[in-house]
Amino acid sequence: MRTRNPDFYIKDLRIFYQRDLADIVLVDNSVYSFAFQLDNGIPIVSYYDDPNDEEMLHLKFYLECLASCEDVRIKNRDAF
């Protein structure tokens, strides 16, 4: 479910009712996107065709760290 605003989308992870929110992250360049579940959100810098951009490498490293967490929301609270 997404709530539409003229400027941004708010995504609601509760649509994944068969999954535990402790196991789900939402990666987006807009913090508004995960307003309903802030602790599940991973903010990322927008990409604008910059050959020196390393944001995906940082994200990869962070996601690898999350792989061993029992609850991604706890790690996200500490990180963000």
N, C-alpha and C. Protein backbone atom coordinates (compact mmCIF):
# COMPACT_ATOMS: atom_id res chain seq x y z
N MET A 1 0.84 -1.16 0.00
CA MET A 1 0.00 0.00 0.00
C MET A 1 0.89 1.23 0.00
N ARG A 2 0.59 2.19 -0.84
CA ARG A 2 1.33 3.45 -0.87
C ARG A 2 0.33 4.59 -0.74
N THR A 3 0.69 5.57 0.04
CA THR A 3 -0.12 6.76 0.16
C THR A 3 0.48 7.80 -0.75
N ARG A 4 -0.32 8.35 -1.64
CA ARG A 4 0.20 9.30 -2.63
C ARG A 4 0.09 10.72 -2.13
N ASN A 5 1.17 11.44 -2.24
CA ASN A 5 1.24 12.85 -1.98
C ASN A 5 1.83 13.47 -3.24
N PRO A 6 1.49 14.68 -3.58
CA PRO A 6 2.05 15.28 -4.80
C PRO A 6 3.57 15.31 -4.85
N ASP A 7 4.23 15.27 -3.69
CA ASP A 7 5.68 15.39 -3.65
C ASP A 7 6.44 14.10 -3.37
N PHE A 8 5.79 13.10 -2.81
CA PHE A 8 6.49 11.88 -2.43
C PHE A 8 5.50 10.75 -2.18
N TYR A 9 6.04 9.54 -2.10
CA TYR A 9 5.25 8.35 -1.76
C TYR A 9 5.62 7.88 -0.36
N ILE A 10 4.63 7.43 0.39
CA ILE A 10 4.87 6.80 1.68
C ILE A 10 4.51 5.33 1.50
N LYS A 11 5.47 4.46 1.75
CA LYS A 11 5.25 3.02 1.57
C LYS A 11 4.95 2.37 2.91
N ASP A 12 4.04 1.43 2.90
CA ASP A 12 3.62 0.76 4.13
C ASP A 12 3.99 -0.72 4.03
N LEU A 13 4.98 -1.13 4.81
CA LEU A 13 5.47 -2.50 4.75
C LEU A 13 4.51 -3.53 5.34
N ARG A 14 3.45 -3.07 5.95
CA ARG A 14 2.48 -4.01 6.52
C ARG A 14 1.76 -4.82 5.44
N ILE A 15 1.93 -4.46 4.18
CA ILE A 15 1.33 -5.27 3.11
C ILE A 15 1.96 -6.66 3.07
N PHE A 16 3.16 -6.78 3.64
CA PHE A 16 3.83 -8.08 3.72
C PHE A 16 3.41 -8.76 5.02
N TYR A 17 2.15 -9.04 5.15
CA TYR A 17 1.58 -9.54 6.39
C TYR A 17 2.10 -10.92 6.76
N GLN A 18 2.68 -11.66 5.84
CA GLN A 18 3.21 -12.98 6.15
C GLN A 18 4.71 -12.92 6.50
N ARG A 19 5.25 -11.74 6.54
CA ARG A 19 6.67 -11.56 6.87
C ARG A 19 6.79 -10.73 8.14
N ASP A 20 7.81 -11.01 8.89
CA ASP A 20 8.09 -10.27 10.11
C ASP A 20 8.83 -8.98 9.74
N LEU A 21 8.38 -7.85 10.27
CA LEU A 21 9.05 -6.58 9.97
C LEU A 21 10.49 -6.56 10.48
N ALA A 22 10.84 -7.47 11.37
CA ALA A 22 12.22 -7.57 11.85
C ALA A 22 13.17 -8.01 10.74
N ASP A 23 12.61 -8.54 9.64
CA ASP A 23 13.41 -9.07 8.53
C ASP A 23 13.35 -8.23 7.26
N ILE A 24 12.66 -7.10 7.29
CA ILE A 24 12.43 -6.32 6.08
C ILE A 24 13.07 -4.94 6.19
N VAL A 25 13.74 -4.51 5.13
CA VAL A 25 14.24 -3.14 5.04
C VAL A 25 13.69 -2.50 3.77
N LEU A 26 13.62 -1.20 3.81
CA LEU A 26 13.19 -0.41 2.66
C LEU A 26 14.28 0.60 2.38
N VAL A 27 14.88 0.51 1.22
CA VAL A 27 15.96 1.41 0.82
C VAL A 27 15.37 2.47 -0.10
N ASP A 28 15.56 3.73 0.24
CA ASP A 28 14.99 4.80 -0.57
C ASP A 28 15.78 6.08 -0.35
N ASN A 29 15.76 6.94 -1.35
CA ASN A 29 16.44 8.22 -1.22
C ASN A 29 15.55 9.28 -0.57
N SER A 30 14.33 8.93 -0.24
CA SER A 30 13.41 9.84 0.43
C SER A 30 12.99 9.23 1.77
N VAL A 31 13.34 9.91 2.86
CA VAL A 31 13.00 9.41 4.19
C VAL A 31 11.48 9.32 4.36
N TYR A 32 10.75 10.16 3.66
CA TYR A 32 9.28 10.10 3.73
C TYR A 32 8.76 8.73 3.30
N SER A 33 9.47 8.07 2.45
CA SER A 33 9.02 6.78 1.92
C SER A 33 8.78 5.76 3.00
N PHE A 34 9.55 5.79 4.05
CA PHE A 34 9.36 4.81 5.11
C PHE A 34 8.84 5.44 6.40
N ALA A 35 8.01 6.45 6.26
CA ALA A 35 7.45 7.16 7.42
C ALA A 35 6.62 6.25 8.32
N PHE A 36 5.94 5.26 7.76
CA PHE A 36 5.12 4.35 8.57
C PHE A 36 5.96 3.37 9.38
N GLN A 37 7.15 3.05 8.88
CA GLN A 37 8.06 2.13 9.58
C GLN A 37 9.48 2.70 9.52
N LEU A 38 9.71 3.75 10.28
CA LEU A 38 11.01 4.42 10.25
C LEU A 38 12.17 3.48 10.54
N ASP A 39 11.97 2.56 11.46
CA ASP A 39 13.06 1.66 11.85
C ASP A 39 13.42 0.64 10.78
N ASN A 40 12.59 0.51 9.76
CA ASN A 40 12.89 -0.41 8.66
C ASN A 40 13.58 0.31 7.50
N GLY A 41 13.67 1.62 7.57
CA GLY A 41 14.19 2.38 6.45
C GLY A 41 15.69 2.54 6.45
N ILE A 42 16.24 2.46 5.25
CA ILE A 42 17.66 2.74 5.03
C ILE A 42 17.72 3.89 4.03
N PRO A 43 18.11 5.07 4.51
CA PRO A 43 18.21 6.20 3.57
C PRO A 43 19.44 6.05 2.68
N ILE A 44 19.30 6.43 1.45
CA ILE A 44 20.41 6.35 0.50
C ILE A 44 20.46 7.66 -0.28
N VAL A 45 21.65 8.05 -0.63
CA VAL A 45 21.85 9.28 -1.40
C VAL A 45 21.40 9.04 -2.84
N SER A 46 20.76 10.04 -3.42
CA SER A 46 20.32 9.93 -4.82
C SER A 46 21.51 9.77 -5.75
N TYR A 47 21.29 9.05 -6.83
CA TYR A 47 22.33 8.83 -7.83
C TYR A 47 22.06 9.72 -9.04
N TYR A 48 23.06 10.47 -9.45
CA TYR A 48 22.90 11.38 -10.59
C TYR A 48 24.01 11.18 -11.61
N ASP A 49 24.20 9.94 -12.05
CA ASP A 49 25.17 9.65 -13.10
C ASP A 49 26.58 10.15 -12.75
N ASP A 50 27.01 9.86 -11.54
CA ASP A 50 28.34 10.24 -11.07
C ASP A 50 29.23 9.00 -11.09
N PRO A 51 30.24 8.96 -11.95
CA PRO A 51 31.10 7.78 -12.04
C PRO A 51 31.88 7.50 -10.75
N ASN A 52 31.98 8.47 -9.86
CA ASN A 52 32.69 8.30 -8.60
C ASN A 52 31.76 7.92 -7.45
N ASP A 53 30.49 7.74 -7.73
CA ASP A 53 29.51 7.42 -6.70
C ASP A 53 29.82 6.05 -6.10
N GLU A 54 29.88 5.98 -4.79
CA GLU A 54 30.16 4.73 -4.09
C GLU A 54 29.03 4.33 -3.15
N GLU A 55 27.89 4.95 -3.30
CA GLU A 55 26.77 4.70 -2.38
C GLU A 55 26.35 3.23 -2.38
N MET A 56 26.34 2.60 -3.54
CA MET A 56 25.94 1.19 -3.60
C MET A 56 26.92 0.29 -2.85
N LEU A 57 28.20 0.65 -2.86
CA LEU A 57 29.18 -0.13 -2.11
C LEU A 57 28.94 -0.01 -0.61
N HIS A 58 28.59 1.20 -0.16
CA HIS A 58 28.27 1.40 1.26
C HIS A 58 27.01 0.63 1.63
N LEU A 59 26.03 0.66 0.74
CA LEU A 59 24.78 -0.06 0.98
C LEU A 59 25.04 -1.57 1.04
N LYS A 60 25.84 -2.07 0.14
CA LYS A 60 26.17 -3.50 0.13
C LYS A 60 26.80 -3.91 1.46
N PHE A 61 27.75 -3.13 1.93
CA PHE A 61 28.41 -3.42 3.20
C PHE A 61 27.40 -3.42 4.34
N TYR A 62 26.52 -2.42 4.36
CA TYR A 62 25.53 -2.32 5.44
C TYR A 62 24.56 -3.51 5.40
N LEU A 63 24.10 -3.86 4.20
CA LEU A 63 23.18 -5.00 4.07
C LEU A 63 23.84 -6.30 4.52
N GLU A 64 25.12 -6.45 4.23
CA GLU A 64 25.84 -7.64 4.70
C GLU A 64 25.88 -7.67 6.23
N CYS A 65 26.01 -6.51 6.87
CA CYS A 65 25.99 -6.44 8.33
C CYS A 65 24.61 -6.81 8.86
N LEU A 66 23.57 -6.40 8.17
CA LEU A 66 22.21 -6.72 8.60
C LEU A 66 21.89 -8.20 8.49
N ALA A 67 22.57 -8.90 7.62
CA ALA A 67 22.27 -10.31 7.37
C ALA A 67 22.38 -11.16 8.64
N SER A 68 23.21 -10.75 9.57
CA SER A 68 23.38 -11.52 10.80
C SER A 68 22.53 -11.01 11.97
N CYS A 69 21.72 -10.00 11.73
CA CYS A 69 20.88 -9.43 12.79
C CYS A 69 19.59 -10.22 12.96
N GLU A 70 19.16 -10.34 14.20
CA GLU A 70 17.86 -10.95 14.44
C GLU A 70 16.74 -9.98 14.13
N ASP A 71 17.00 -8.69 14.32
CA ASP A 71 15.98 -7.66 14.08
C ASP A 71 16.66 -6.46 13.44
N VAL A 72 16.43 -6.25 12.15
CA VAL A 72 17.08 -5.16 11.42
C VAL A 72 16.71 -3.80 11.99
N ARG A 73 15.56 -3.71 12.62
CA ARG A 73 15.10 -2.42 13.16
C ARG A 73 16.01 -1.92 14.27
N ILE A 74 16.55 -2.83 15.06
CA ILE A 74 17.45 -2.44 16.15
C ILE A 74 18.73 -1.86 15.58
N LYS A 75 19.30 -2.54 14.60
CA LYS A 75 20.52 -2.06 13.95
C LYS A 75 20.29 -0.71 13.26
N ASN A 76 19.14 -0.58 12.60
CA ASN A 76 18.82 0.68 11.92
C ASN A 76 18.67 1.83 12.91
N ARG A 77 18.05 1.57 14.04
CA ARG A 77 17.90 2.63 15.07
C ARG A 77 19.27 3.14 15.49
N ASP A 78 20.22 2.23 15.66
CA ASP A 78 21.57 2.62 16.06
C ASP A 78 22.31 3.37 14.95
N ALA A 79 22.10 2.92 13.72
CA ALA A 79 22.84 3.48 12.58
C ALA A 79 22.27 4.81 12.09
N PHE A 80 20.95 4.96 12.18
CA PHE A 80 20.32 6.16 11.63
C PHE A 80 19.57 6.93 12.68
